[in-house]
Each structure stands twice: as structure tokens, then as C-alpha cells.
Amino acid sequence: MGSRALAVAILILLCAPAYAGKADVLFVELAEQPNGHWNIAVKCGHEGDAKDHYCNWWELRTPNGGWVYKQKLDAPPQSEPFTSTVSDVEIHHGATELIAEANCCMHGLGGKKVLVDLGVPSGEGF
């Protein structure tokens, strides 16, 4: 291996933790309750070290940026991927679609999102 190739290989290895990836939303499950509120389960994945580099929150918002819900995670998950659940969430009447996105404590937003169409029973990622 030439010195240039060796230098590139070392650089890649040194930078690998920085490219561990952003947090991804893998699946969203919504169940409407009789009172019109929703139970929500969001499955997130992240390839960080789960101690200092992990998914620290996820959120639901409308496509135009309207905030619906944000679930903060107080500690790194015990395993990856993980599912976070919440109950009795009010989704504003008239909302037809939601975007679920997860946040990496080091890299912020930007991983895989899931677009949920509230008008159909299932789709890609929900």
C-alpha cells in the first residue's frame, strides 16, 4: 500500500465515529383512541456508540412545520434500534400528514424521516 493510500485509510478510520450516522426513524405506529387522542410508537435506529452518541429525541410535525409532539429521551437507549411510545397525544384537527424525525445528540436532525398519511391505514414506514 502506498503512503498516500495509507494516509487516506488512516483518515477514514479516524473520521469513522463522525460518520456513524444520524438518527433514523424506521417505523411509526399510530392508534386513534375513542377520545380523539392518539397512542404513538416510533422505532428509531442509530449507529452511534450508545453512550455519548445516540438518538436523544424524536418529534412529530406537520409538513408545513407545525409542531405536534416531541419525545425527549433522558438516557441513551439500552439497545438499537429501539421503540419509544407515548399515549394520549392530541393531533390537531385538520392535520392529514405528519413527519416523524429523530435527532442525534452529536449530529442533530437529518437522518431518515417517515411521512405518515393519516388518511390511509398503512404505508412505507407506518
N, C-alpha and C. Protein backbone atom coordinates (compact mmCIF):
# COMPACT_ATOMS: atom_id res chain seq x y z
N MET A 1 0.86 -1.17 0.00
CA MET A 1 0.00 0.00 0.00
C MET A 1 0.90 1.23 0.00
N GLY A 2 0.67 2.15 -0.90
CA GLY A 2 1.46 3.38 -0.97
C GLY A 2 1.18 4.29 0.21
N SER A 3 2.07 5.24 0.43
CA SER A 3 1.91 6.15 1.57
C SER A 3 0.64 6.99 1.45
N ARG A 4 0.26 7.34 0.23
CA ARG A 4 -0.96 8.13 0.04
C ARG A 4 -2.19 7.31 0.40
N ALA A 5 -2.23 6.06 -0.05
CA ALA A 5 -3.35 5.18 0.26
C ALA A 5 -3.42 4.91 1.76
N LEU A 6 -2.25 4.73 2.38
CA LEU A 6 -2.22 4.51 3.83
C LEU A 6 -2.74 5.74 4.57
N ALA A 7 -2.37 6.92 4.12
CA ALA A 7 -2.84 8.15 4.76
C ALA A 7 -4.35 8.28 4.63
N VAL A 8 -4.90 7.94 3.47
CA VAL A 8 -6.34 8.01 3.26
C VAL A 8 -7.04 6.99 4.16
N ALA A 9 -6.50 5.77 4.25
CA ALA A 9 -7.09 4.74 5.10
C ALA A 9 -7.11 5.17 6.56
N ILE A 10 -6.02 5.77 7.03
CA ILE A 10 -5.95 6.24 8.42
C ILE A 10 -6.96 7.35 8.65
N LEU A 11 -7.06 8.27 7.70
CA LEU A 11 -8.02 9.37 7.81
C LEU A 11 -9.45 8.83 7.89
N ILE A 12 -9.76 7.83 7.08
CA ILE A 12 -11.11 7.24 7.10
C ILE A 12 -11.38 6.61 8.46
N LEU A 13 -10.41 5.88 8.99
CA LEU A 13 -10.59 5.24 10.30
C LEU A 13 -10.75 6.27 11.41
N LEU A 14 -10.00 7.34 11.35
CA LEU A 14 -10.09 8.37 12.38
C LEU A 14 -11.42 9.12 12.32
N CYS A 15 -11.96 9.26 11.14
CA CYS A 15 -13.20 10.00 10.97
C CYS A 15 -14.44 9.12 11.09
N ALA A 16 -14.28 7.82 11.15
CA ALA A 16 -15.42 6.90 11.18
C ALA A 16 -16.44 7.24 12.25
N PRO A 17 -16.04 7.56 13.50
CA PRO A 17 -17.05 7.89 14.51
C PRO A 17 -17.89 9.10 14.11
N ALA A 18 -17.31 10.05 13.40
CA ALA A 18 -18.06 11.23 12.98
C ALA A 18 -19.10 10.89 11.93
N TYR A 19 -18.90 9.77 11.24
CA TYR A 19 -19.84 9.35 10.21
C TYR A 19 -20.68 8.17 10.66
N ALA A 20 -20.83 8.01 11.96
CA ALA A 20 -21.62 6.90 12.48
C ALA A 20 -23.07 7.03 12.06
N GLY A 21 -23.44 8.16 11.55
CA GLY A 21 -24.78 8.33 11.02
C GLY A 21 -25.64 9.18 11.92
N LYS A 22 -26.67 9.71 11.31
CA LYS A 22 -27.66 10.46 12.06
C LYS A 22 -28.74 9.49 12.51
N ALA A 23 -29.56 9.91 13.41
CA ALA A 23 -30.63 9.05 13.91
C ALA A 23 -31.72 8.94 12.85
N ASP A 24 -32.22 7.73 12.68
CA ASP A 24 -33.25 7.45 11.68
C ASP A 24 -34.55 7.04 12.35
N VAL A 25 -35.67 7.45 11.77
CA VAL A 25 -36.97 6.90 12.14
C VAL A 25 -37.20 5.73 11.20
N LEU A 26 -37.40 4.56 11.77
CA LEU A 26 -37.57 3.34 10.98
C LEU A 26 -39.03 2.97 10.77
N PHE A 27 -39.87 3.28 11.75
CA PHE A 27 -41.28 2.91 11.65
C PHE A 27 -42.09 3.74 12.63
N VAL A 28 -43.31 4.08 12.27
CA VAL A 28 -44.23 4.83 13.13
C VAL A 28 -45.55 4.08 13.18
N GLU A 29 -46.09 3.92 14.38
CA GLU A 29 -47.40 3.31 14.55
C GLU A 29 -48.28 4.29 15.32
N LEU A 30 -49.45 4.58 14.76
CA LEU A 30 -50.41 5.49 15.38
C LEU A 30 -51.72 4.75 15.60
N ALA A 31 -52.31 4.94 16.75
CA ALA A 31 -53.62 4.34 17.04
C ALA A 31 -54.51 5.42 17.66
N GLU A 32 -55.59 5.75 16.96
CA GLU A 32 -56.51 6.77 17.48
C GLU A 32 -57.38 6.16 18.58
N GLN A 33 -57.54 6.91 19.64
CA GLN A 33 -58.33 6.48 20.78
C GLN A 33 -59.75 7.05 20.67
N PRO A 34 -60.71 6.51 21.42
CA PRO A 34 -62.10 7.00 21.35
C PRO A 34 -62.22 8.50 21.67
N ASN A 35 -61.31 9.04 22.49
CA ASN A 35 -61.40 10.46 22.85
C ASN A 35 -60.79 11.37 21.78
N GLY A 36 -60.33 10.78 20.65
CA GLY A 36 -59.76 11.58 19.58
C GLY A 36 -58.26 11.81 19.71
N HIS A 37 -57.69 11.39 20.83
CA HIS A 37 -56.24 11.49 21.01
C HIS A 37 -55.59 10.23 20.44
N TRP A 38 -54.25 10.22 20.40
CA TRP A 38 -53.53 9.15 19.73
C TRP A 38 -52.48 8.51 20.64
N ASN A 39 -52.30 7.19 20.48
CA ASN A 39 -51.15 6.49 21.03
C ASN A 39 -50.14 6.37 19.89
N ILE A 40 -48.88 6.64 20.19
CA ILE A 40 -47.86 6.70 19.16
C ILE A 40 -46.66 5.85 19.58
N ALA A 41 -46.16 5.06 18.64
CA ALA A 41 -44.92 4.30 18.83
C ALA A 41 -43.98 4.64 17.68
N VAL A 42 -42.78 5.06 18.01
CA VAL A 42 -41.79 5.43 17.00
C VAL A 42 -40.56 4.56 17.20
N LYS A 43 -40.19 3.83 16.15
CA LYS A 43 -39.00 2.98 16.18
C LYS A 43 -37.85 3.77 15.56
N CYS A 44 -36.79 3.96 16.33
CA CYS A 44 -35.63 4.73 15.89
C CYS A 44 -34.39 3.85 15.86
N GLY A 45 -33.47 4.19 14.97
CA GLY A 45 -32.20 3.49 14.90
C GLY A 45 -31.07 4.49 14.75
N HIS A 46 -29.92 4.11 15.28
CA HIS A 46 -28.74 4.98 15.20
C HIS A 46 -27.51 4.11 15.39
N GLU A 47 -26.45 4.43 14.68
CA GLU A 47 -25.24 3.62 14.75
C GLU A 47 -24.15 4.25 15.61
N GLY A 48 -24.51 5.10 16.54
CA GLY A 48 -23.55 5.70 17.45
C GLY A 48 -23.09 4.70 18.50
N ASP A 49 -22.31 5.15 19.46
CA ASP A 49 -21.78 4.24 20.47
C ASP A 49 -22.74 4.01 21.64
N ALA A 50 -23.91 4.64 21.61
CA ALA A 50 -24.98 4.48 22.61
C ALA A 50 -24.58 4.96 24.00
N LYS A 51 -23.43 5.58 24.15
CA LYS A 51 -23.07 6.17 25.44
C LYS A 51 -23.00 7.68 25.31
N ASP A 52 -22.23 8.15 24.36
CA ASP A 52 -22.08 9.59 24.13
C ASP A 52 -22.64 10.03 22.79
N HIS A 53 -23.09 9.09 21.98
CA HIS A 53 -23.51 9.36 20.60
C HIS A 53 -24.75 8.51 20.33
N TYR A 54 -25.93 9.13 20.45
CA TYR A 54 -27.17 8.36 20.38
C TYR A 54 -28.33 9.26 19.98
N CYS A 55 -29.47 8.65 19.75
CA CYS A 55 -30.71 9.39 19.46
C CYS A 55 -31.23 9.93 20.79
N ASN A 56 -31.34 11.25 20.89
CA ASN A 56 -31.77 11.83 22.17
C ASN A 56 -33.20 12.40 22.14
N TRP A 57 -33.83 12.47 20.98
CA TRP A 57 -35.24 12.81 20.91
C TRP A 57 -35.79 12.55 19.52
N TRP A 58 -37.11 12.46 19.44
CA TRP A 58 -37.81 12.38 18.17
C TRP A 58 -39.01 13.31 18.24
N GLU A 59 -39.51 13.68 17.07
CA GLU A 59 -40.65 14.59 17.04
C GLU A 59 -41.59 14.24 15.90
N LEU A 60 -42.82 14.71 16.07
CA LEU A 60 -43.84 14.67 15.02
C LEU A 60 -44.20 16.10 14.70
N ARG A 61 -44.28 16.41 13.41
CA ARG A 61 -44.71 17.74 12.98
C ARG A 61 -45.47 17.60 11.67
N THR A 62 -46.18 18.65 11.33
CA THR A 62 -46.89 18.65 10.06
C THR A 62 -45.89 19.03 8.96
N PRO A 63 -46.19 18.70 7.69
CA PRO A 63 -45.26 19.05 6.61
C PRO A 63 -44.96 20.55 6.50
N ASN A 64 -45.87 21.40 6.96
CA ASN A 64 -45.62 22.85 6.89
C ASN A 64 -44.87 23.36 8.12
N GLY A 65 -44.42 22.44 8.99
CA GLY A 65 -43.61 22.84 10.14
C GLY A 65 -44.35 22.98 11.45
N GLY A 66 -45.66 22.73 11.45
CA GLY A 66 -46.42 22.82 12.69
C GLY A 66 -46.03 21.72 13.65
N TRP A 67 -45.68 22.09 14.86
CA TRP A 67 -45.23 21.14 15.86
C TRP A 67 -46.41 20.35 16.41
N VAL A 68 -46.26 19.04 16.54
CA VAL A 68 -47.31 18.19 17.11
C VAL A 68 -46.85 17.60 18.44
N TYR A 69 -45.67 16.97 18.46
CA TYR A 69 -45.20 16.32 19.68
C TYR A 69 -43.68 16.11 19.61
N LYS A 70 -43.02 16.23 20.75
CA LYS A 70 -41.59 15.95 20.85
C LYS A 70 -41.35 15.07 22.07
N GLN A 71 -40.69 13.93 21.86
CA GLN A 71 -40.38 13.00 22.94
C GLN A 71 -38.88 13.04 23.21
N LYS A 72 -38.51 13.59 24.36
CA LYS A 72 -37.11 13.62 24.77
C LYS A 72 -36.75 12.32 25.45
N LEU A 73 -35.55 11.83 25.20
CA LEU A 73 -35.06 10.61 25.82
C LEU A 73 -34.02 11.00 26.85
N ASP A 74 -34.26 10.69 28.10
CA ASP A 74 -33.40 11.13 29.20
C ASP A 74 -32.06 10.41 29.25
N ALA A 75 -31.98 9.25 28.64
CA ALA A 75 -30.74 8.47 28.68
C ALA A 75 -30.59 7.73 27.36
N PRO A 76 -29.38 7.31 27.03
CA PRO A 76 -29.21 6.52 25.80
C PRO A 76 -30.06 5.25 25.87
N PRO A 77 -30.57 4.80 24.74
CA PRO A 77 -31.36 3.57 24.74
C PRO A 77 -30.49 2.37 25.12
N GLN A 78 -31.13 1.35 25.67
CA GLN A 78 -30.42 0.14 26.09
C GLN A 78 -29.98 -0.70 24.89
N SER A 79 -30.69 -0.57 23.77
CA SER A 79 -30.33 -1.32 22.58
C SER A 79 -30.76 -0.54 21.34
N GLU A 80 -30.24 -0.92 20.21
CA GLU A 80 -30.58 -0.29 18.93
C GLU A 80 -31.07 -1.36 17.97
N PRO A 81 -32.07 -1.13 17.18
CA PRO A 81 -32.98 0.01 17.28
C PRO A 81 -33.87 -0.11 18.52
N PHE A 82 -34.58 0.95 18.83
CA PHE A 82 -35.46 0.96 19.99
C PHE A 82 -36.78 1.58 19.60
N THR A 83 -37.81 1.29 20.39
CA THR A 83 -39.14 1.86 20.16
C THR A 83 -39.53 2.68 21.37
N SER A 84 -39.96 3.90 21.11
CA SER A 84 -40.41 4.82 22.14
C SER A 84 -41.92 5.01 21.97
N THR A 85 -42.67 4.90 23.06
CA THR A 85 -44.12 5.02 22.97
C THR A 85 -44.64 6.14 23.87
N VAL A 86 -45.70 6.76 23.41
CA VAL A 86 -46.39 7.79 24.20
C VAL A 86 -47.89 7.59 24.00
N SER A 87 -48.66 8.05 24.96
CA SER A 87 -50.12 7.90 24.90
C SER A 87 -50.79 9.26 25.03
N ASP A 88 -52.02 9.31 24.54
CA ASP A 88 -52.90 10.45 24.74
C ASP A 88 -52.36 11.75 24.13
N VAL A 89 -51.81 11.64 22.92
CA VAL A 89 -51.29 12.81 22.20
C VAL A 89 -52.41 13.41 21.35
N GLU A 90 -52.59 14.70 21.47
CA GLU A 90 -53.59 15.39 20.66
C GLU A 90 -52.97 15.82 19.34
N ILE A 91 -53.57 15.39 18.25
CA ILE A 91 -53.16 15.82 16.91
C ILE A 91 -54.24 16.77 16.42
N HIS A 92 -53.84 17.96 16.04
CA HIS A 92 -54.79 19.00 15.67
C HIS A 92 -55.72 18.53 14.56
N HIS A 93 -56.99 18.84 14.74
CA HIS A 93 -57.98 18.50 13.71
C HIS A 93 -57.57 19.19 12.41
N GLY A 94 -57.74 18.50 11.34
CA GLY A 94 -57.37 19.04 10.04
C GLY A 94 -55.99 18.58 9.58
N ALA A 95 -55.17 18.06 10.49
CA ALA A 95 -53.87 17.53 10.08
C ALA A 95 -54.11 16.25 9.27
N THR A 96 -53.52 16.15 8.10
CA THR A 96 -53.70 14.98 7.25
C THR A 96 -52.40 14.18 7.10
N GLU A 97 -51.27 14.82 7.35
CA GLU A 97 -49.98 14.15 7.25
C GLU A 97 -49.08 14.60 8.40
N LEU A 98 -48.21 13.71 8.82
CA LEU A 98 -47.23 14.02 9.85
C LEU A 98 -45.86 13.54 9.39
N ILE A 99 -44.82 14.24 9.82
CA ILE A 99 -43.45 13.81 9.58
C ILE A 99 -42.85 13.43 10.92
N ALA A 100 -42.28 12.24 11.00
CA ALA A 100 -41.57 11.78 12.19
C ALA A 100 -40.08 11.87 11.88
N GLU A 101 -39.33 12.52 12.78
CA GLU A 101 -37.89 12.68 12.58
C GLU A 101 -37.19 12.53 13.93
N ALA A 102 -36.01 11.92 13.91
CA ALA A 102 -35.23 11.68 15.12
C ALA A 102 -33.99 12.56 15.11
N ASN A 103 -33.47 12.85 16.30
CA ASN A 103 -32.30 13.71 16.46
C ASN A 103 -31.13 12.93 17.06
N CYS A 104 -29.95 13.13 16.51
CA CYS A 104 -28.71 12.57 17.05
C CYS A 104 -28.09 13.63 17.96
N CYS A 105 -27.65 13.23 19.16
CA CYS A 105 -27.10 14.20 20.10
C CYS A 105 -25.81 14.85 19.60
N MET A 106 -25.13 14.24 18.63
CA MET A 106 -23.91 14.83 18.07
C MET A 106 -24.15 15.54 16.73
N HIS A 107 -25.00 14.96 15.89
CA HIS A 107 -25.16 15.46 14.52
C HIS A 107 -26.48 16.15 14.24
N GLY A 108 -27.39 16.13 15.19
CA GLY A 108 -28.67 16.80 15.00
C GLY A 108 -29.61 16.02 14.09
N LEU A 109 -30.52 16.74 13.48
CA LEU A 109 -31.50 16.15 12.57
C LEU A 109 -30.86 15.81 11.24
N GLY A 110 -31.55 15.07 10.42
CA GLY A 110 -31.07 14.82 9.07
C GLY A 110 -31.06 13.37 8.65
N GLY A 111 -31.41 12.46 9.55
CA GLY A 111 -31.50 11.05 9.18
C GLY A 111 -32.80 10.76 8.45
N LYS A 112 -33.11 9.48 8.31
CA LYS A 112 -34.33 9.06 7.62
C LYS A 112 -35.56 9.53 8.38
N LYS A 113 -36.50 10.09 7.64
CA LYS A 113 -37.79 10.54 8.19
C LYS A 113 -38.88 9.62 7.68
N VAL A 114 -40.01 9.63 8.35
CA VAL A 114 -41.17 8.90 7.88
C VAL A 114 -42.32 9.89 7.73
N LEU A 115 -42.93 9.89 6.56
CA LEU A 115 -44.12 10.70 6.30
C LEU A 115 -45.34 9.80 6.50
N VAL A 116 -46.20 10.18 7.44
CA VAL A 116 -47.39 9.39 7.77
C VAL A 116 -48.61 10.10 7.20
N ASP A 117 -49.36 9.38 6.38
CA ASP A 117 -50.62 9.88 5.83
C ASP A 117 -51.73 9.38 6.76
N LEU A 118 -52.36 10.29 7.48
CA LEU A 118 -53.40 9.91 8.44
C LEU A 118 -54.67 9.40 7.77
N GLY A 119 -54.77 9.56 6.46
CA GLY A 119 -55.96 9.12 5.73
C GLY A 119 -55.92 7.69 5.25
N VAL A 120 -54.79 7.00 5.42
CA VAL A 120 -54.69 5.61 4.98
C VAL A 120 -54.19 4.75 6.15
N PRO A 121 -54.57 3.46 6.18
CA PRO A 121 -54.20 2.63 7.32
C PRO A 121 -52.73 2.26 7.40
N SER A 122 -52.01 2.24 6.29
CA SER A 122 -50.59 1.90 6.33
C SER A 122 -49.90 2.40 5.07
N GLY A 123 -48.56 2.47 5.15
CA GLY A 123 -47.75 2.92 4.03
C GLY A 123 -46.30 2.65 4.34
N GLU A 124 -45.42 3.21 3.55
CA GLU A 124 -43.99 2.99 3.76
C GLU A 124 -43.54 3.60 5.09
N GLY A 125 -43.14 2.78 6.01
CA GLY A 125 -42.66 3.25 7.30
C GLY A 125 -43.74 3.47 8.35
N PHE A 126 -44.99 3.17 8.02
CA PHE A 126 -46.05 3.31 9.03
C PHE A 126 -47.14 2.28 8.80
